[in-house]
């Protein structure tokens, strides 16, 4: 979870909550200005990743990324490359 938050911060995608308030398996991030959840979701889905929308009044401003299961460093590398392309 820390690596995801650190990498996304490098793209200007900041967590919704402070580190002490975050889950270690699901974290909400503020979408960068000009990026819609739907466009980011579709791009990542095409590369084999599924993200989740924010809930309620946060649905248009937040995405959620889970990191659970048998995840390898190479999976994280692919995710960050996909995000890099999506947010370019």
C-alpha atoms as a PDB file:
ATOM      1  CA  UNK A   1       0.000   0.000   0.000  1.00  0.00           C
ATOM      2  CA  UNK A   2       2.871   2.363   0.789  1.00  0.00           C
ATOM      3  CA  UNK A   3       4.483   1.761  -2.589  1.00  0.00           C
ATOM      4  CA  UNK A   4       1.193   2.444  -4.388  1.00  0.00           C
ATOM      5  CA  UNK A   5       0.709   5.708  -2.469  1.00  0.00           C
ATOM      6  CA  UNK A   6       4.319   6.778  -3.045  1.00  0.00           C
ATOM      7  CA  UNK A   7       4.240   6.016  -6.777  1.00  0.00           C
ATOM      8  CA  UNK A   8       0.891   7.723  -7.303  1.00  0.00           C
ATOM      9  CA  UNK A   9       2.120  10.803  -5.427  1.00  0.00           C
ATOM     10  CA  UNK A  10       4.843  11.012  -8.075  1.00  0.00           C
ATOM     11  CA  UNK A  11       2.079  11.378 -10.668  1.00  0.00           C
ATOM     12  CA  UNK A  12       0.361  14.056  -8.585  1.00  0.00           C
ATOM     13  CA  UNK A  13      -2.347  11.604  -7.479  1.00  0.00           C
ATOM     14  CA  UNK A  14      -2.738  12.089  -3.749  1.00  0.00           C
ATOM     15  CA  UNK A  15      -4.430   9.860  -1.175  1.00  0.00           C
ATOM     16  CA  UNK A  16      -7.739  11.004   0.234  1.00  0.00           C
ATOM     17  CA  UNK A  17      -6.694  10.102   3.795  1.00  0.00           C
ATOM     18  CA  UNK A  18      -3.577  10.543   5.904  1.00  0.00           C
ATOM     19  CA  UNK A  19      -1.336   7.453   6.276  1.00  0.00           C
ATOM     20  CA  UNK A  20      -2.576   6.618   9.777  1.00  0.00           C
ATOM     21  CA  UNK A  21      -6.186   6.613   8.533  1.00  0.00           C
ATOM     22  CA  UNK A  22      -5.668   4.430   5.426  1.00  0.00           C
ATOM     23  CA  UNK A  23      -6.318   0.744   4.974  1.00  0.00           C
ATOM     24  CA  UNK A  24      -3.385  -1.458   4.032  1.00  0.00           C
ATOM     25  CA  UNK A  25      -5.452  -3.149   1.278  1.00  0.00           C
ATOM     26  CA  UNK A  26      -7.725  -0.450  -0.201  1.00  0.00           C
ATOM     27  CA  UNK A  27      -6.817   3.195  -0.586  1.00  0.00           C
ATOM     28  CA  UNK A  28      -8.778   6.113  -2.044  1.00  0.00           C
ATOM     29  CA  UNK A  29      -6.964   8.644  -4.242  1.00  0.00           C
ATOM     30  CA  UNK A  30      -8.079  12.029  -5.521  1.00  0.00           C
ATOM     31  CA  UNK A  31      -8.304  12.048  -9.308  1.00  0.00           C
ATOM     32  CA  UNK A  32      -6.038  14.635 -10.936  1.00  0.00           C
ATOM     33  CA  UNK A  33      -7.724  17.645 -12.500  1.00  0.00           C
ATOM     34  CA  UNK A  34      -8.901  16.818 -16.010  1.00  0.00           C
ATOM     35  CA  UNK A  35      -9.005  13.063 -15.377  1.00  0.00           C
ATOM     36  CA  UNK A  36     -12.319  11.274 -15.102  1.00  0.00           C
ATOM     37  CA  UNK A  37     -12.822   8.038 -13.244  1.00  0.00           C
ATOM     38  CA  UNK A  38     -14.368   6.461 -16.336  1.00  0.00           C
ATOM     39  CA  UNK A  39     -11.404   7.264 -18.602  1.00  0.00           C
ATOM     40  CA  UNK A  40      -8.876   6.040 -16.023  1.00  0.00           C
ATOM     41  CA  UNK A  41     -10.933   2.907 -15.330  1.00  0.00           C
ATOM     42  CA  UNK A  42     -11.187   2.043 -19.035  1.00  0.00           C
ATOM     43  CA  UNK A  43      -7.473   2.586 -19.656  1.00  0.00           C
ATOM     44  CA  UNK A  44      -6.413   0.437 -16.709  1.00  0.00           C
ATOM     45  CA  UNK A  45      -8.991  -2.248 -17.503  1.00  0.00           C
ATOM     46  CA  UNK A  46      -7.544  -2.536 -21.010  1.00  0.00           C
ATOM     47  CA  UNK A  47      -4.181  -3.292 -19.347  1.00  0.00           C
ATOM     48  CA  UNK A  48      -5.693  -5.880 -16.987  1.00  0.00           C
ATOM     49  CA  UNK A  49      -6.300  -3.759 -13.877  1.00  0.00           C
ATOM     50  CA  UNK A  50      -9.593  -2.937 -12.190  1.00  0.00           C
ATOM     51  CA  UNK A  51      -9.997   0.120  -9.971  1.00  0.00           C
ATOM     52  CA  UNK A  52     -13.077   1.228  -8.084  1.00  0.00           C
ATOM     53  CA  UNK A  53     -14.967   4.514  -8.088  1.00  0.00           C
ATOM     54  CA  UNK A  54     -15.396   6.627  -5.006  1.00  0.00           C
ATOM     55  CA  UNK A  55     -18.724   6.330  -3.255  1.00  0.00           C
ATOM     56  CA  UNK A  56     -21.504   8.866  -2.782  1.00  0.00           C
ATOM     57  CA  UNK A  57     -20.476  12.480  -3.254  1.00  0.00           C
ATOM     58  CA  UNK A  58     -16.874  11.360  -3.934  1.00  0.00           C
ATOM     59  CA  UNK A  59     -17.794   9.306  -7.016  1.00  0.00           C
ATOM     60  CA  UNK A  60     -16.564  11.940  -9.481  1.00  0.00           C
ATOM     61  CA  UNK A  61     -13.405  12.902  -7.597  1.00  0.00           C
ATOM     62  CA  UNK A  62     -11.927   9.703  -6.201  1.00  0.00           C
ATOM     63  CA  UNK A  63     -10.751   6.290  -7.343  1.00  0.00           C
ATOM     64  CA  UNK A  64      -9.913   3.390  -5.082  1.00  0.00           C
ATOM     65  CA  UNK A  65      -7.089   0.936  -5.623  1.00  0.00           C
ATOM     66  CA  UNK A  66      -6.895  -2.401  -3.832  1.00  0.00           C
ATOM     67  CA  UNK A  67      -3.718  -4.384  -3.375  1.00  0.00           C
ATOM     68  CA  UNK A  68      -4.726  -7.876  -2.280  1.00  0.00           C
ATOM     69  CA  UNK A  69      -3.807 -11.379  -3.331  1.00  0.00           C
ATOM     70  CA  UNK A  70      -0.782 -12.837  -5.039  1.00  0.00           C
ATOM     71  CA  UNK A  71       0.750  -9.573  -6.266  1.00  0.00           C
ATOM     72  CA  UNK A  72       4.333  -9.500  -7.513  1.00  0.00           C
ATOM     73  CA  UNK A  73       6.699  -6.565  -7.949  1.00  0.00           C
ATOM     74  CA  UNK A  74       6.254  -6.977 -11.702  1.00  0.00           C
ATOM     75  CA  UNK A  75       2.485  -6.484 -11.260  1.00  0.00           C
ATOM     76  CA  UNK A  76       3.108  -3.186  -9.490  1.00  0.00           C
ATOM     77  CA  UNK A  77       5.564  -2.175 -12.223  1.00  0.00           C
ATOM     78  CA  UNK A  78       2.921  -2.873 -14.889  1.00  0.00           C
ATOM     79  CA  UNK A  79       0.291  -0.916 -12.917  1.00  0.00           C
ATOM     80  CA  UNK A  80       2.535   2.120 -12.592  1.00  0.00           C
ATOM     81  CA  UNK A  81       3.433   2.018 -16.287  1.00  0.00           C
ATOM     82  CA  UNK A  82      -0.263   1.822 -17.179  1.00  0.00           C
ATOM     83  CA  UNK A  83      -1.014   4.755 -14.855  1.00  0.00           C
ATOM     84  CA  UNK A  84       1.861   6.732 -16.354  1.00  0.00           C
ATOM     85  CA  UNK A  85       0.354   6.313 -19.838  1.00  0.00           C
ATOM     86  CA  UNK A  86      -3.197   6.993 -18.637  1.00  0.00           C
ATOM     87  CA  UNK A  87      -2.257  10.208 -16.852  1.00  0.00           C
ATOM     88  CA  UNK A  88       0.092  11.559 -19.553  1.00  0.00           C
END
